[in-house]
C-alpha atoms as a PDB file:
ATOM      1  CA  UNK A   1      87.316  86.632  99.113  1.00  0.00           C
ATOM      2  CA  UNK A   2      87.269  90.097  97.941  1.00  0.00           C
ATOM      3  CA  UNK A   3      83.952  91.918  97.582  1.00  0.00           C
ATOM      4  CA  UNK A   4      83.639  94.477  94.547  1.00  0.00           C
ATOM      5  CA  UNK A   5      82.206  97.599  95.692  1.00  0.00           C
ATOM      6  CA  UNK A   6      80.910 100.145  93.107  1.00  0.00           C
ATOM      7  CA  UNK A   7      80.869 103.612  94.468  1.00  0.00           C
ATOM      8  CA  UNK A   8      81.330 107.566  93.996  1.00  0.00           C
ATOM      9  CA  UNK A   9      85.084 108.318  93.387  1.00  0.00           C
ATOM     10  CA  UNK A  10      84.913 111.174  96.172  1.00  0.00           C
ATOM     11  CA  UNK A  11      84.412 108.387  98.823  1.00  0.00           C
ATOM     12  CA  UNK A  12      86.212 105.628  97.564  1.00  0.00           C
ATOM     13  CA  UNK A  13      89.597 106.777  99.805  1.00  0.00           C
ATOM     14  CA  UNK A  14      87.559 107.039 103.093  1.00  0.00           C
ATOM     15  CA  UNK A  15      85.700 103.752 102.006  1.00  0.00           C
ATOM     16  CA  UNK A  16      89.161 101.848 101.767  1.00  0.00           C
ATOM     17  CA  UNK A  17      90.167 103.213 105.036  1.00  0.00           C
ATOM     18  CA  UNK A  18      86.825 102.129 106.522  1.00  0.00           C
ATOM     19  CA  UNK A  19      87.060  98.510 105.360  1.00  0.00           C
ATOM     20  CA  UNK A  20      90.396  97.811 104.917  1.00  0.00           C
ATOM     21  CA  UNK A  21      92.297  96.553 101.973  1.00  0.00           C
ATOM     22  CA  UNK A  22      90.815  93.654 101.363  1.00  0.00           C
ATOM     23  CA  UNK A  23      87.973  95.246  99.324  1.00  0.00           C
ATOM     24  CA  UNK A  24      88.465  95.834  95.502  1.00  0.00           C
ATOM     25  CA  UNK A  25      86.574  98.454  93.805  1.00  0.00           C
ATOM     26  CA  UNK A  26      85.078  99.003  90.556  1.00  0.00           C
ATOM     27  CA  UNK A  27      84.990 102.638  89.057  1.00  0.00           C
ATOM     28  CA  UNK A  28      82.153 102.995  86.719  1.00  0.00           C
ATOM     29  CA  UNK A  29      82.150 104.003  83.243  1.00  0.00           C
ATOM     30  CA  UNK A  30      83.068 107.255  82.822  1.00  0.00           C
ATOM     31  CA  UNK A  31      81.187 108.876  80.291  1.00  0.00           C
ATOM     32  CA  UNK A  32      82.187 112.753  81.077  1.00  0.00           C
ATOM     33  CA  UNK A  33      85.229 114.371  79.388  1.00  0.00           C
ATOM     34  CA  UNK A  34      88.775 113.299  79.563  1.00  0.00           C
ATOM     35  CA  UNK A  35      89.483 115.285  82.442  1.00  0.00           C
ATOM     36  CA  UNK A  36      87.332 112.746  84.423  1.00  0.00           C
ATOM     37  CA  UNK A  37      89.310 110.241  83.063  1.00  0.00           C
ATOM     38  CA  UNK A  38      92.587 111.395  84.396  1.00  0.00           C
ATOM     39  CA  UNK A  39      91.123 112.021  87.422  1.00  0.00           C
ATOM     40  CA  UNK A  40      90.064 108.659  88.006  1.00  0.00           C
ATOM     41  CA  UNK A  41      93.587 107.069  86.142  1.00  0.00           C
ATOM     42  CA  UNK A  42      95.191 109.365  89.398  1.00  0.00           C
ATOM     43  CA  UNK A  43      93.208 107.922  91.729  1.00  0.00           C
ATOM     44  CA  UNK A  44      93.587 104.539  90.540  1.00  0.00           C
ATOM     45  CA  UNK A  45      97.351 104.729  90.439  1.00  0.00           C
ATOM     46  CA  UNK A  46      97.558 106.117  94.206  1.00  0.00           C
ATOM     47  CA  UNK A  47      95.315 103.267  95.929  1.00  0.00           C
ATOM     48  CA  UNK A  48      96.075  99.329  95.478  1.00  0.00           C
ATOM     49  CA  UNK A  49      92.371  97.892  95.593  1.00  0.00           C
ATOM     50  CA  UNK A  50      91.512  99.142  92.352  1.00  0.00           C
ATOM     51  CA  UNK A  51      91.375  96.403  90.139  1.00  0.00           C
ATOM     52  CA  UNK A  52      89.041  98.019  86.956  1.00  0.00           C
ATOM     53  CA  UNK A  53      88.286 101.341  85.428  1.00  0.00           C
ATOM     54  CA  UNK A  54      86.157 101.988  82.623  1.00  0.00           C
ATOM     55  CA  UNK A  55      86.332 104.702  80.169  1.00  0.00           C
ATOM     56  CA  UNK A  56      83.855 105.163  77.720  1.00  0.00           C
ATOM     57  CA  UNK A  57      85.796 105.611  74.345  1.00  0.00           C
ATOM     58  CA  UNK A  58      82.298 106.413  71.990  1.00  0.00           C
ATOM     59  CA  UNK A  59      81.902 109.573  72.739  1.00  0.00           C
ATOM     60  CA  UNK A  60      80.839 113.212  71.611  1.00  0.00           C
ATOM     61  CA  UNK A  61      83.089 114.105  68.361  1.00  0.00           C
ATOM     62  CA  UNK A  62      84.237 117.025  70.385  1.00  0.00           C
ATOM     63  CA  UNK A  63      85.159 115.701  73.502  1.00  0.00           C
ATOM     64  CA  UNK A  64      89.037 115.435  72.797  1.00  0.00           C
ATOM     65  CA  UNK A  65      88.854 119.174  72.494  1.00  0.00           C
ATOM     66  CA  UNK A  66      88.005 119.952  76.138  1.00  0.00           C
ATOM     67  CA  UNK A  67      91.483 118.688  77.279  1.00  0.00           C
ATOM     68  CA  UNK A  68      94.618 119.951  76.251  1.00  0.00           C
ATOM     69  CA  UNK A  69      95.989 116.647  76.398  1.00  0.00           C
ATOM     70  CA  UNK A  70      94.591 113.110  75.462  1.00  0.00           C
ATOM     71  CA  UNK A  71      94.524 109.815  77.502  1.00  0.00           C
ATOM     72  CA  UNK A  72      97.273 107.461  76.199  1.00  0.00           C
ATOM     73  CA  UNK A  73      95.730 103.950  75.678  1.00  0.00           C
ATOM     74  CA  UNK A  74      98.099 101.118  75.174  1.00  0.00           C
ATOM     75  CA  UNK A  75      97.307  97.439  74.938  1.00  0.00           C
ATOM     76  CA  UNK A  76      93.510  98.168  76.973  1.00  0.00           C
ATOM     77  CA  UNK A  77      95.608 100.145  79.518  1.00  0.00           C
ATOM     78  CA  UNK A  78      95.441 104.159  80.004  1.00  0.00           C
ATOM     79  CA  UNK A  79      98.984 105.126  81.231  1.00  0.00           C
ATOM     80  CA  UNK A  80      99.767 107.226  84.093  1.00  0.00           C
ATOM     81  CA  UNK A  81     100.636 111.048  82.927  1.00  0.00           C
ATOM     82  CA  UNK A  82     103.752 112.112  84.238  1.00  0.00           C
ATOM     83  CA  UNK A  83     103.027 116.087  84.077  1.00  0.00           C
ATOM     84  CA  UNK A  84     101.666 118.228  87.369  1.00  0.00           C
ATOM     85  CA  UNK A  85      98.564 117.941  88.441  1.00  0.00           C
ATOM     86  CA  UNK A  86      95.938 115.429  86.719  1.00  0.00           C
ATOM     87  CA  UNK A  87      98.003 115.418  83.760  1.00  0.00           C
ATOM     88  CA  UNK A  88      95.678 117.259  81.527  1.00  0.00           C
ATOM     89  CA  UNK A  89      93.931 120.576  81.879  1.00  0.00           C
ATOM     90  CA  UNK A  90      90.563 121.976  80.689  1.00  0.00           C
ATOM     91  CA  UNK A  91      90.227 124.291  77.618  1.00  0.00           C
ATOM     92  CA  UNK A  92      88.104 126.705  79.024  1.00  0.00           C
ATOM     93  CA  UNK A  93      87.409 128.328  75.414  1.00  0.00           C
ATOM     94  CA  UNK A  94      86.323 124.647  74.109  1.00  0.00           C
ATOM     95  CA  UNK A  95      84.395 124.334  77.283  1.00  0.00           C
ATOM     96  CA  UNK A  96      82.191 127.417  76.682  1.00  0.00           C
ATOM     97  CA  UNK A  97      82.156 126.701  72.892  1.00  0.00           C
ATOM     98  CA  UNK A  98      80.179 123.479  73.591  1.00  0.00           C
ATOM     99  CA  UNK A  99      78.280 124.883  76.812  1.00  0.00           C
ATOM    100  CA  UNK A 100      74.873 123.788  77.142  1.00  0.00           C
ATOM    101  CA  UNK A 101      72.337 126.925  76.366  1.00  0.00           C
ATOM    102  CA  UNK A 102      69.072 126.810  77.025  1.00  0.00           C
END
């Protein structure tokens, strides 16, 4: 039987190496920016045992402004980007515009 493991994205690759390919991994809901979605998607596409990656579709209305491209979702699946790097970049002007101010 397969186990369901929830862990931070930065440790998933090492965890898979340690326990083997017979563990399914669930990535928690991503409530950050689309940049995090693209990063998670690249991870999911590079390992064979991630079964579910969740993304929060209800978010701040300005979230779409934070990256240079948006995730493409077809039939409930996010398309793996074909561009260089993560498939998008952070729009630094938008990030500064919406930065937390004390």
